[in-house]
Amino acid sequence: MILQNPSRIFNSHLVNKQENNNFRCLSYLNPGDDRVASDNPFGTLGVFKEVALAPLKNLLLTLEANELMLLFPLSGSLSVEVHDGKPYNIEPEQLLTCLHPKKQAVTISNSEQKQSSSYLHIQVSGISFPQDGTAVHPCHIPQRNMVSTLLEQPGVQLSIGVFDGRQKGEYQLQETADGIFAFVLNGAFEVQDRLLENRDGLALWDISTIDFEALSENAVLLLLEI
C-alpha cells in the first residue's frame, strides 16, 4: 500500500485560464495571481504555466534578482531577449535558463509567421547557480521508459521521461527537504496512487521517493524538484 504523502493536484480543466488575441495561458499555481504565495505549496516555485503565443506576438515580463526562469518549448520556435542583450532562439528539445543577480526585463517572442508557439514557463526564486546569465541547453531523451535529467543545479532539478503503457518507474529526490512537482505533458499516469491525465500537475512534499505508472502509450512525465 502506498502511503499518502501531503500533496495537491492541479487539474488542467480547473486551473486559471487567460486568453486574448496575443496568447493563451494556463497558470497552475494560483487561481488569479502567479505570485500569491498563500495558494502555493512551494515557497520558491513562483510560476508554472503553459503559454501559447500567437504568430509574431510577444510578451514582456520582469524577472526578479536571483529568480530562475526556465522556458521549455513544446511546439514552434521562440526568441528570448533579456534586457538589451542578444536574442536567444529556442525550439522543442531545447531548454532556456535565465538567472541574473539584478532585476531584468525579458521579452519572449514567437518567431513563427503562421502558427502559435507553445511552451512551459517556470520561475523559481532564491536560486544560486555557479554562473549567472542566460543559456540554451539541449534536451534529448536518450532512452524510453526511464527518467532523464534535463537540468541539475543547486536548488532545482528538472527531469523528463517518455513511457510505454503500463511501464512503471520511480524517482528518488536528491534532497529530503525538497518537494516535487509532477506534470503530465502527454497521456496519463498514476503517480503515488493518484490519477493524472494530460496536462494535470501534482505537488508532493515530505517524500523521498515517488512511484508512478504510465497508463497510456507515449506518456510523457515532467518532474521538477525544488
Protein backbone atom coordinates (compact mmCIF):
# COMPACT_ATOMS: atom_id res chain seq x y z
CA MET A 1 0.00 0.00 0.00
CA ILE A 2 1.36 3.43 -0.95
CA LEU A 3 1.30 5.94 1.89
CA GLN A 4 -0.48 9.20 1.13
CA ASN A 5 2.04 11.99 1.47
CA PRO A 6 1.00 15.65 1.60
CA SER A 7 0.00 16.65 -1.91
CA ARG A 8 -2.10 18.85 -4.13
CA ILE A 9 -3.50 18.00 -7.57
CA PHE A 10 -3.80 20.66 -10.27
CA ASN A 11 -6.41 19.52 -12.78
CA SER A 12 -5.91 21.12 -16.19
CA HIS A 13 -9.60 21.97 -16.60
CA LEU A 14 -9.68 23.81 -13.24
CA VAL A 15 -6.55 25.98 -13.43
CA ASN A 16 -6.60 29.70 -14.13
CA LYS A 17 -7.01 30.43 -17.87
CA GLN A 18 -6.29 33.67 -19.67
CA GLU A 19 -6.81 34.22 -23.38
CA ASN A 20 -6.74 37.11 -25.81
CA ASN A 21 -5.63 37.75 -29.41
CA ASN A 22 -1.96 37.54 -28.42
CA PHE A 23 -1.75 34.48 -26.19
CA ARG A 24 -3.48 31.70 -24.25
CA CYS A 25 -2.15 30.87 -20.79
CA LEU A 26 -2.87 28.10 -18.25
CA SER A 27 -1.47 29.03 -14.81
CA TYR A 28 -1.17 26.09 -12.45
CA LEU A 29 -0.11 27.51 -9.11
CA ASN A 30 -2.76 30.08 -8.24
CA PRO A 31 -6.30 30.93 -9.33
CA GLY A 32 -5.64 34.55 -10.16
CA ASP A 33 -2.07 35.63 -9.50
CA ASP A 34 1.02 33.50 -10.16
CA ARG A 35 2.77 35.03 -7.19
CA VAL A 36 0.17 34.60 -4.43
CA ALA A 37 2.22 32.53 -2.00
CA SER A 38 -0.73 31.52 0.19
CA ASP A 39 -2.04 29.32 -2.62
CA ASN A 40 1.34 27.80 -3.45
CA PRO A 41 2.59 24.64 -1.68
CA PHE A 42 6.16 25.51 -2.71
CA GLY A 43 7.55 28.77 -1.41
CA THR A 44 10.19 29.07 -4.14
CA LEU A 45 8.13 27.95 -7.16
CA GLY A 46 6.53 31.22 -8.22
CA VAL A 47 5.34 30.42 -11.76
CA PHE A 48 4.38 27.24 -13.59
CA LYS A 49 2.28 27.79 -16.68
CA GLU A 50 1.74 26.72 -20.26
CA VAL A 51 1.61 29.52 -22.80
CA ALA A 52 0.57 29.50 -26.46
CA LEU A 53 1.86 32.67 -28.13
CA ALA A 54 0.20 33.81 -31.38
CA PRO A 55 2.30 34.27 -34.56
CA LEU A 56 4.70 37.24 -34.44
CA LYS A 57 3.43 38.29 -30.99
CA ASN A 58 5.49 38.87 -27.86
CA LEU A 59 5.16 39.00 -24.09
CA LEU A 60 7.04 41.28 -21.73
CA LEU A 61 7.87 40.31 -18.15
CA THR A 62 10.13 41.24 -15.27
CA LEU A 63 12.50 38.71 -13.77
CA GLU A 64 13.46 39.47 -10.18
CA ALA A 65 17.05 39.26 -8.93
CA ASN A 66 18.19 35.66 -8.36
CA GLU A 67 14.96 34.32 -9.83
CA LEU A 68 15.49 31.42 -12.23
CA MET A 69 13.35 31.33 -15.36
CA LEU A 70 13.01 28.11 -17.39
CA LEU A 71 11.44 28.11 -20.85
CA PHE A 72 10.69 24.71 -22.36
CA PRO A 73 9.26 24.91 -25.92
CA LEU A 74 6.58 22.36 -26.82
CA SER A 75 5.88 23.48 -30.40
CA GLY A 76 7.09 26.20 -32.74
CA SER A 77 10.06 28.44 -32.00
CA LEU A 78 10.74 31.36 -29.66
CA SER A 79 13.11 34.29 -29.47
CA VAL A 80 14.03 35.44 -25.96
CA GLU A 81 15.77 38.73 -25.21
CA VAL A 82 16.98 39.69 -21.74
CA HIS A 83 17.36 43.45 -21.16
CA ASP A 84 19.47 44.74 -24.06
CA GLY A 85 21.37 41.52 -24.68
CA LYS A 86 21.41 39.30 -27.74
CA PRO A 87 18.26 37.28 -28.60
CA TYR A 88 18.28 33.55 -27.86
CA ASN A 89 16.37 31.35 -30.29
CA ILE A 90 14.90 28.12 -28.87
CA GLU A 91 12.73 25.30 -30.19
CA PRO A 92 11.47 21.89 -28.96
CA GLU A 93 14.15 19.65 -27.43
CA GLN A 94 15.85 22.72 -26.00
CA LEU A 95 15.64 24.41 -22.59
CA LEU A 96 16.45 28.05 -21.85
CA THR A 97 17.65 29.05 -18.39
CA CYS A 98 17.89 32.65 -17.27
CA LEU A 99 19.25 33.84 -13.93
CA HIS A 100 20.75 37.25 -13.11
CA PRO A 101 21.84 38.96 -9.88
CA LYS A 102 19.78 42.04 -10.78
CA LYS A 103 16.20 42.55 -11.91
CA GLN A 104 15.84 42.08 -15.66
CA ALA A 105 13.29 42.89 -18.35
CA VAL A 106 12.58 39.89 -20.58
CA THR A 107 10.85 39.77 -23.98
CA ILE A 108 9.52 36.43 -25.27
CA SER A 109 8.57 36.47 -28.96
CA ASN A 110 7.02 33.95 -31.31
CA SER A 111 9.16 33.97 -34.42
CA GLU A 112 6.72 31.80 -36.39
CA GLN A 113 4.76 33.65 -39.08
CA LYS A 114 1.73 31.37 -39.37
CA GLN A 115 1.43 29.24 -36.23
CA SER A 116 1.34 29.66 -32.49
CA SER A 117 4.31 28.58 -30.40
CA SER A 118 3.62 26.88 -27.09
CA TYR A 119 5.97 26.46 -24.15
CA LEU A 120 6.21 25.81 -20.43
CA HIS A 121 7.23 28.83 -18.36
CA ILE A 122 8.68 28.14 -14.90
CA GLN A 123 10.12 30.58 -12.36
CA VAL A 124 11.92 29.61 -9.14
CA SER A 125 13.18 32.19 -6.63
CA GLY A 126 16.20 32.17 -4.35
CA ILE A 127 18.43 30.20 -6.74
CA SER A 128 22.22 30.47 -6.86
CA PHE A 129 23.85 28.94 -9.94
CA PRO A 130 27.62 28.59 -10.30
CA GLN A 131 27.29 31.04 -13.19
CA ASP A 132 24.63 33.68 -13.77
CA GLY A 133 23.33 34.53 -17.21
CA THR A 134 21.19 33.11 -19.99
CA ALA A 135 21.90 29.78 -21.69
CA VAL A 136 20.26 27.26 -24.01
CA HIS A 137 20.59 23.56 -23.18
CA PRO A 138 19.88 20.50 -25.38
CA CYS A 139 17.03 18.29 -24.10
CA HIS A 140 17.34 14.99 -25.91
CA ILE A 141 15.72 11.95 -24.27
CA PRO A 142 18.27 9.14 -24.67
CA GLN A 143 16.05 6.18 -23.74
CA ARG A 144 12.36 5.38 -23.26
CA ASN A 145 10.88 4.07 -20.02
CA MET A 146 13.32 5.88 -17.76
CA VAL A 147 13.67 9.32 -16.20
CA SER A 148 16.36 11.52 -17.78
CA THR A 149 17.78 14.68 -16.21
CA LEU A 150 17.40 17.87 -18.24
CA LEU A 151 18.82 20.31 -15.70
CA GLU A 152 20.62 19.76 -12.40
CA GLN A 153 21.72 22.77 -10.39
CA PRO A 154 21.77 23.67 -6.67
CA GLY A 155 18.15 24.15 -5.61
CA VAL A 156 16.46 22.80 -8.74
CA GLN A 157 16.43 19.64 -10.85
CA LEU A 158 14.30 19.12 -13.95
CA SER A 159 13.75 15.62 -15.37
CA ILE A 160 11.59 14.01 -18.05
CA GLY A 161 10.62 10.55 -19.25
CA VAL A 162 8.70 9.00 -22.16
CA PHE A 163 6.95 5.75 -21.24
CA ASP A 164 5.10 2.91 -22.91
CA GLY A 165 1.75 1.88 -21.48
CA ARG A 166 1.88 0.05 -18.13
CA GLN A 167 5.57 0.81 -17.66
CA LYS A 168 6.45 1.67 -14.07
CA GLY A 169 9.16 3.89 -12.70
CA GLU A 170 10.37 5.72 -9.64
CA TYR A 171 12.19 8.93 -8.88
CA GLN A 172 14.35 9.48 -5.81
CA LEU A 173 14.60 13.05 -4.62
CA GLN A 174 18.11 14.43 -4.34
CA GLU A 175 17.35 16.23 -1.07
CA THR A 176 14.88 15.01 1.55
CA ALA A 177 13.85 18.61 2.30
CA ASP A 178 12.83 19.20 -1.34
CA GLY A 179 9.38 18.97 -2.83
CA ILE A 180 8.47 17.82 -6.32
CA PHE A 181 6.02 18.97 -8.98
CA ALA A 182 4.97 16.25 -11.44
CA PHE A 183 3.38 17.37 -14.71
CA VAL A 184 1.89 15.17 -17.43
CA LEU A 185 2.89 16.50 -20.85
CA ASN A 186 1.12 13.70 -22.69
CA GLY A 187 -1.11 10.74 -21.87
CA ALA A 188 -1.96 9.64 -18.34
CA PHE A 189 -0.09 8.42 -15.26
CA GLU A 190 -0.76 7.13 -11.81
CA VAL A 191 1.65 8.95 -9.50
CA GLN A 192 1.74 7.96 -5.84
CA ASP A 193 -1.67 6.33 -6.25
CA ARG A 194 -3.18 9.48 -7.79
CA LEU A 195 -4.55 9.64 -11.33
CA LEU A 196 -3.08 12.38 -13.52
CA GLU A 197 -4.31 12.95 -17.05
CA ASN A 198 -2.96 15.08 -19.87
CA ARG A 199 -1.70 18.48 -18.61
CA ASP A 200 -2.51 17.69 -14.96
CA GLY A 201 0.01 18.53 -12.24
CA LEU A 202 0.73 17.12 -8.78
CA ALA A 203 2.70 18.79 -5.99
CA LEU A 204 4.23 16.44 -3.39
CA TRP A 205 6.32 17.16 -0.33
CA ASP A 206 7.59 15.33 2.79
CA ILE A 207 8.59 12.48 0.49
CA SER A 208 11.88 10.86 -0.54
CA THR A 209 10.80 8.66 -3.49
CA ILE A 210 7.83 8.79 -5.84
CA ASP A 211 6.44 5.82 -7.76
CA PHE A 212 4.48 6.10 -10.99
CA GLU A 213 2.97 4.04 -13.78
CA ALA A 214 2.16 5.10 -17.34
CA LEU A 215 -1.47 4.41 -18.27
CA SER A 216 -1.14 5.15 -22.00
CA GLU A 217 1.33 4.80 -24.84
CA ASN A 218 3.91 7.54 -25.36
CA ALA A 219 3.08 9.05 -21.99
CA VAL A 220 5.41 11.92 -21.03
CA LEU A 221 6.08 12.93 -17.42
CA LEU A 222 7.99 16.06 -16.36
CA LEU A 223 9.42 16.20 -12.82
CA LEU A 224 10.57 19.44 -11.17
CA GLU A 225 12.38 19.01 -7.85
CA ILE A 226 12.90 22.17 -5.79
